[in-house]
Structure formats: C-alpha cells, structure tokens
Amino acid sequence: MIASPPFVPSLQIEVSRVRVIQSVVLGRRYALQASTDGRIWTNAGPVFIATDEGITNEFNTDLTSQLFRVQETQ
C-alpha cells in the first residue's frame, strides 16, 4: 500500500442525537414542540401530564427540527 502525499490533518463532527431536558410542574399538561424556523411549531410527541419535574426526551437529529420549546396547554 502506498500512502497519500503529506496533508494537514482535519476532523469533522457529526451529531446524531439531541437530548431535550424539560423542567415542568407536576400534574400540569404540556406539549413538547419543534420547529425548523422558530415561527411554525408542531408537537414533537403527544400532549402529556407531567409525572415528574424533570422530563428528558432524545431525538435523532436527522428526524427532527433544530428548535424545541415546551408549552403548557389546557
């Protein structure tokens, strides 16, 4: 095997998963929402009632948006 000519080493970073950590109030109803532009939001899962004050969700970055928010709902 013949090596390539000398070159400057480099690296690349690829993120494959994102962890979304929500701080919520027990017993209240919430929707975790995602957006690609910060204007149009869609639910990233079903509306839920908080059974813990800290809720963590993980998403594959190629299947979801870049922006998240948690909204209290009625």
N, C-alpha and C. Protein backbone atom coordinates (compact mmCIF):
# COMPACT_ATOMS: atom_id res chain seq x y z
N MET A 1 0.85 -1.17 0.00
CA MET A 1 0.00 0.00 0.00
C MET A 1 0.90 1.23 0.00
N ILE A 2 0.57 2.18 -0.83
CA ILE A 2 1.31 3.44 -0.90
C ILE A 2 0.49 4.52 -0.23
N ALA A 3 1.11 5.25 0.68
CA ALA A 3 0.43 6.32 1.42
C ALA A 3 0.21 7.53 0.52
N SER A 4 -0.79 8.32 0.87
CA SER A 4 -1.04 9.55 0.13
C SER A 4 0.05 10.57 0.46
N PRO A 5 0.18 11.61 -0.35
CA PRO A 5 1.16 12.65 -0.03
C PRO A 5 0.81 13.31 1.31
N PRO A 6 1.78 13.92 1.96
CA PRO A 6 1.50 14.59 3.24
C PRO A 6 0.39 15.64 3.11
N PHE A 7 -0.41 15.75 4.13
CA PHE A 7 -1.51 16.73 4.15
C PHE A 7 -1.76 17.16 5.59
N VAL A 8 -2.51 18.25 5.74
CA VAL A 8 -2.85 18.75 7.07
C VAL A 8 -3.99 17.90 7.63
N PRO A 9 -3.80 17.30 8.81
CA PRO A 9 -4.88 16.51 9.40
C PRO A 9 -6.11 17.39 9.64
N SER A 10 -7.28 16.78 9.59
CA SER A 10 -8.52 17.51 9.84
C SER A 10 -9.48 16.58 10.56
N LEU A 11 -10.58 17.15 11.01
CA LEU A 11 -11.62 16.33 11.63
C LEU A 11 -12.97 16.93 11.31
N GLN A 12 -13.98 16.14 11.56
CA GLN A 12 -15.35 16.53 11.29
C GLN A 12 -16.20 16.01 12.43
N ILE A 13 -17.17 16.77 12.85
CA ILE A 13 -18.06 16.36 13.94
C ILE A 13 -19.46 16.18 13.38
N GLU A 14 -20.07 15.05 13.68
CA GLU A 14 -21.45 14.80 13.28
C GLU A 14 -22.25 14.46 14.53
N VAL A 15 -23.29 15.21 14.77
CA VAL A 15 -24.16 14.97 15.92
C VAL A 15 -25.32 14.12 15.43
N SER A 16 -25.57 13.00 16.12
CA SER A 16 -26.62 12.10 15.65
C SER A 16 -27.86 12.12 16.55
N ARG A 17 -27.71 12.58 17.79
CA ARG A 17 -28.85 12.62 18.69
C ARG A 17 -28.81 13.91 19.50
N VAL A 18 -30.00 14.37 19.89
CA VAL A 18 -30.12 15.55 20.74
C VAL A 18 -30.99 15.15 21.93
N ARG A 19 -30.59 15.58 23.12
CA ARG A 19 -31.36 15.31 24.34
C ARG A 19 -32.04 16.61 24.75
N VAL A 20 -33.37 16.55 24.91
CA VAL A 20 -34.17 17.72 25.32
C VAL A 20 -34.61 17.47 26.75
N ILE A 21 -34.18 18.36 27.66
CA ILE A 21 -34.49 18.22 29.09
C ILE A 21 -35.48 19.32 29.45
N GLN A 22 -36.65 18.91 29.96
CA GLN A 22 -37.72 19.85 30.28
C GLN A 22 -37.90 19.93 31.80
N SER A 23 -38.02 21.13 32.31
CA SER A 23 -38.37 21.36 33.72
C SER A 23 -39.82 21.81 33.75
N VAL A 24 -40.67 20.99 34.36
CA VAL A 24 -42.11 21.22 34.32
C VAL A 24 -42.71 21.06 35.72
N VAL A 25 -43.97 21.47 35.86
CA VAL A 25 -44.68 21.40 37.15
C VAL A 25 -45.53 20.13 37.17
N LEU A 26 -45.41 19.38 38.25
CA LEU A 26 -46.17 18.13 38.39
C LEU A 26 -47.66 18.35 38.19
N GLY A 27 -48.29 17.43 37.47
CA GLY A 27 -49.73 17.46 37.31
C GLY A 27 -50.25 18.39 36.24
N ARG A 28 -49.38 19.21 35.67
CA ARG A 28 -49.83 20.12 34.60
C ARG A 28 -49.65 19.45 33.24
N ARG A 29 -50.38 19.97 32.26
CA ARG A 29 -50.43 19.39 30.92
C ARG A 29 -49.52 20.18 29.98
N TYR A 30 -48.69 19.48 29.21
CA TYR A 30 -47.70 20.13 28.35
C TYR A 30 -47.64 19.50 26.97
N ALA A 31 -47.10 20.29 26.04
CA ALA A 31 -46.77 19.80 24.71
C ALA A 31 -45.32 20.19 24.43
N LEU A 32 -44.50 19.21 24.06
CA LEU A 32 -43.15 19.48 23.59
C LEU A 32 -43.27 19.75 22.10
N GLN A 33 -42.78 20.90 21.66
CA GLN A 33 -42.94 21.29 20.27
C GLN A 33 -41.59 21.52 19.61
N ALA A 34 -41.56 21.33 18.28
CA ALA A 34 -40.34 21.50 17.50
C ALA A 34 -40.61 22.41 16.30
N SER A 35 -39.56 23.08 15.86
CA SER A 35 -39.67 24.00 14.72
C SER A 35 -38.35 24.04 13.96
N THR A 36 -38.44 24.29 12.68
CA THR A 36 -37.22 24.49 11.88
C THR A 36 -36.89 25.96 11.71
N ASP A 37 -37.90 26.85 11.94
CA ASP A 37 -37.69 28.28 11.69
C ASP A 37 -38.05 29.19 12.87
N GLY A 38 -38.59 28.63 13.96
CA GLY A 38 -38.97 29.45 15.11
C GLY A 38 -40.30 30.15 14.97
N ARG A 39 -40.97 29.95 13.84
CA ARG A 39 -42.28 30.56 13.61
C ARG A 39 -43.40 29.53 13.61
N ILE A 40 -43.18 28.41 12.94
CA ILE A 40 -44.18 27.35 12.85
C ILE A 40 -43.75 26.20 13.75
N TRP A 41 -44.60 25.89 14.74
CA TRP A 41 -44.30 24.86 15.74
C TRP A 41 -45.26 23.69 15.60
N THR A 42 -44.74 22.48 15.72
CA THR A 42 -45.57 21.27 15.71
C THR A 42 -45.20 20.42 16.92
N ASN A 43 -46.16 19.63 17.39
CA ASN A 43 -45.89 18.76 18.53
C ASN A 43 -44.87 17.69 18.15
N ALA A 44 -43.88 17.50 19.02
CA ALA A 44 -42.84 16.51 18.80
C ALA A 44 -43.23 15.17 19.45
N GLY A 45 -44.43 15.09 19.93
CA GLY A 45 -44.94 13.89 20.58
C GLY A 45 -46.33 14.20 21.11
N PRO A 46 -46.93 13.27 21.80
CA PRO A 46 -48.27 13.52 22.33
C PRO A 46 -48.24 14.53 23.49
N VAL A 47 -49.35 15.24 23.68
CA VAL A 47 -49.51 16.10 24.85
C VAL A 47 -49.46 15.20 26.07
N PHE A 48 -48.83 15.68 27.15
CA PHE A 48 -48.65 14.83 28.33
C PHE A 48 -48.92 15.60 29.62
N ILE A 49 -49.24 14.86 30.67
CA ILE A 49 -49.37 15.41 32.01
C ILE A 49 -48.09 15.06 32.75
N ALA A 50 -47.44 16.06 33.33
CA ALA A 50 -46.15 15.86 33.99
C ALA A 50 -46.29 14.96 35.21
N THR A 51 -45.55 13.87 35.22
CA THR A 51 -45.50 12.95 36.36
C THR A 51 -44.18 13.08 37.09
N ASP A 52 -43.33 13.97 36.60
CA ASP A 52 -42.03 14.24 37.20
C ASP A 52 -41.69 15.69 36.87
N GLU A 53 -40.85 16.32 37.67
CA GLU A 53 -40.48 17.71 37.41
C GLU A 53 -39.40 17.84 36.34
N GLY A 54 -38.71 16.76 36.06
CA GLY A 54 -37.69 16.75 35.01
C GLY A 54 -37.99 15.64 34.02
N ILE A 55 -38.20 15.99 32.77
CA ILE A 55 -38.53 15.01 31.74
C ILE A 55 -37.51 15.14 30.62
N THR A 56 -36.95 14.02 30.21
CA THR A 56 -35.93 14.00 29.16
C THR A 56 -36.42 13.20 27.97
N ASN A 57 -36.25 13.76 26.78
CA ASN A 57 -36.55 13.07 25.54
C ASN A 57 -35.31 13.11 24.66
N GLU A 58 -35.10 12.08 23.86
CA GLU A 58 -34.00 12.07 22.90
C GLU A 58 -34.55 11.88 21.51
N PHE A 59 -33.93 12.59 20.55
CA PHE A 59 -34.36 12.54 19.16
C PHE A 59 -33.16 12.35 18.26
N ASN A 60 -33.34 11.62 17.18
CA ASN A 60 -32.32 11.56 16.13
C ASN A 60 -32.32 12.90 15.42
N THR A 61 -31.17 13.48 15.22
CA THR A 61 -31.10 14.81 14.61
C THR A 61 -31.56 14.82 13.16
N ASP A 62 -31.46 13.70 12.48
CA ASP A 62 -31.90 13.70 11.08
C ASP A 62 -33.41 13.55 10.95
N LEU A 63 -34.12 13.29 12.06
CA LEU A 63 -35.57 13.11 12.02
C LEU A 63 -36.34 14.24 12.69
N THR A 64 -35.65 15.23 13.19
CA THR A 64 -36.34 16.27 13.95
C THR A 64 -35.80 17.66 13.62
N SER A 65 -36.39 18.64 14.22
CA SER A 65 -36.03 20.04 13.99
C SER A 65 -34.85 20.46 14.86
N GLN A 66 -34.43 21.68 14.67
CA GLN A 66 -33.32 22.24 15.42
C GLN A 66 -33.77 22.99 16.67
N LEU A 67 -35.02 23.41 16.72
CA LEU A 67 -35.53 24.23 17.82
C LEU A 67 -36.61 23.47 18.58
N PHE A 68 -36.61 23.60 19.90
CA PHE A 68 -37.63 22.96 20.74
C PHE A 68 -38.14 23.96 21.75
N ARG A 69 -39.39 23.75 22.18
CA ARG A 69 -39.96 24.51 23.30
C ARG A 69 -40.98 23.61 23.97
N VAL A 70 -41.26 23.91 25.24
CA VAL A 70 -42.33 23.21 25.95
C VAL A 70 -43.41 24.25 26.27
N GLN A 71 -44.65 23.90 25.96
CA GLN A 71 -45.78 24.80 26.15
C GLN A 71 -46.78 24.15 27.10
N GLU A 72 -47.22 24.91 28.09
CA GLU A 72 -48.31 24.41 28.94
C GLU A 72 -49.62 24.54 28.15
N THR A 73 -50.44 23.52 28.19
CA THR A 73 -51.69 23.51 27.45
C THR A 73 -52.85 23.33 28.40
N GLN A 74 -54.05 23.53 27.89
CA GLN A 74 -55.28 23.36 28.69
C GLN A 74 -55.82 21.97 28.54
